[in-house]
């Protein structure tokens, strides 16, 4: 059962990593520009993408953090390479 959850988690990460910009920009364009019918599922996906984009902007510009700092990655690599 945990393998299924890990696969769903991985698919979700990949989906939102590649699709968040397209959904964030494309859905309002389709909704208001091309007069698509409102869809609750796409609205929920759009809100999730907006939250992820806001988190990315806060991490990058406000907190100035990265997911893996250069020093910590280099230290881990050096420790692994040394006998």
Protein backbone atom coordinates (compact mmCIF):
# COMPACT_ATOMS: atom_id res chain seq x y z
CA UNK A 1 0.00 0.00 0.00
CA UNK A 2 2.84 2.44 0.76
CA UNK A 3 4.31 1.80 -2.69
CA UNK A 4 1.11 3.09 -4.28
CA UNK A 5 1.24 6.26 -2.17
CA UNK A 6 4.88 6.81 -3.13
CA UNK A 7 4.00 6.48 -6.82
CA UNK A 8 1.08 8.90 -6.49
CA UNK A 9 3.33 11.35 -4.62
CA UNK A 10 5.99 11.11 -7.33
CA UNK A 11 3.47 11.61 -10.11
CA UNK A 12 2.05 14.64 -8.30
CA UNK A 13 5.49 16.20 -7.92
CA UNK A 14 6.31 15.71 -11.60
CA UNK A 15 2.89 16.91 -12.74
CA UNK A 16 2.97 20.14 -10.76
CA UNK A 17 6.66 20.78 -11.49
CA UNK A 18 6.08 20.84 -15.24
CA UNK A 19 2.45 21.96 -15.45
CA UNK A 20 2.14 24.74 -12.85
CA UNK A 21 3.11 27.53 -15.25
CA UNK A 22 0.88 26.24 -18.04
CA UNK A 23 -2.13 25.85 -15.74
CA UNK A 24 -1.50 29.16 -13.96
CA UNK A 25 -1.41 31.16 -17.20
CA UNK A 26 -3.49 28.97 -19.49
CA UNK A 27 -6.63 28.39 -17.45
CA UNK A 28 -7.61 32.07 -17.05
CA UNK A 29 -6.81 32.57 -20.72
CA UNK A 30 -9.10 29.71 -21.71
CA UNK A 31 -11.78 30.72 -19.23
CA UNK A 32 -12.02 34.43 -20.06
CA UNK A 33 -10.40 34.71 -23.48
CA UNK A 34 -11.94 31.70 -25.21
CA UNK A 35 -15.06 31.50 -23.02
CA UNK A 36 -14.62 27.94 -21.78
CA UNK A 37 -17.18 26.68 -19.29
CA UNK A 38 -16.10 26.90 -15.62
CA UNK A 39 -14.73 23.63 -14.27
CA UNK A 40 -14.31 23.07 -10.53
CA UNK A 41 -11.44 20.59 -10.98
CA UNK A 42 -9.42 23.05 -13.04
CA UNK A 43 -10.23 25.80 -10.54
CA UNK A 44 -8.81 23.67 -7.72
CA UNK A 45 -5.72 22.81 -9.78
CA UNK A 46 -5.27 26.51 -10.55
CA UNK A 47 -5.39 27.43 -6.85
CA UNK A 48 -2.83 24.70 -6.05
CA UNK A 49 -0.55 25.98 -8.81
CA UNK A 50 -0.95 29.54 -7.52
CA UNK A 51 0.04 28.40 -4.02
CA UNK A 52 3.09 26.53 -5.37
CA UNK A 53 4.16 29.52 -7.44
CA UNK A 54 3.77 31.84 -4.45
CA UNK A 55 5.88 29.46 -2.35
CA UNK A 56 8.58 29.41 -5.04
CA UNK A 57 8.67 33.21 -5.24
CA UNK A 58 8.86 33.58 -1.46
CA UNK A 59 11.69 31.04 -1.24
CA UNK A 60 13.63 32.67 -4.07
CA UNK A 61 13.23 36.38 -3.36
CA UNK A 62 12.14 36.86 0.25
CA UNK A 63 13.93 34.09 2.12
CA UNK A 64 16.68 33.75 -0.52
CA UNK A 65 16.89 30.03 0.13
CA UNK A 66 17.51 27.17 -2.22
CA UNK A 67 16.39 23.63 -1.84
CA UNK A 68 20.02 22.53 -1.59
CA UNK A 69 22.60 25.11 -0.53
CA UNK A 70 25.89 24.93 -2.41
CA UNK A 71 28.02 24.51 0.72
CA UNK A 72 25.96 21.68 2.17
CA UNK A 73 25.91 19.79 -1.14
CA UNK A 74 29.66 20.15 -1.58
CA UNK A 75 30.34 19.01 1.98
CA UNK A 76 28.19 15.92 1.53
CA UNK A 77 29.91 15.10 -1.75
CA UNK A 78 33.40 15.58 -0.24
CA UNK A 79 32.56 13.32 2.69
CA UNK A 80 31.31 10.61 0.36
CA UNK A 81 34.42 10.81 -1.85
CA UNK A 82 36.97 10.61 0.98
CA UNK A 83 38.01 7.11 2.11
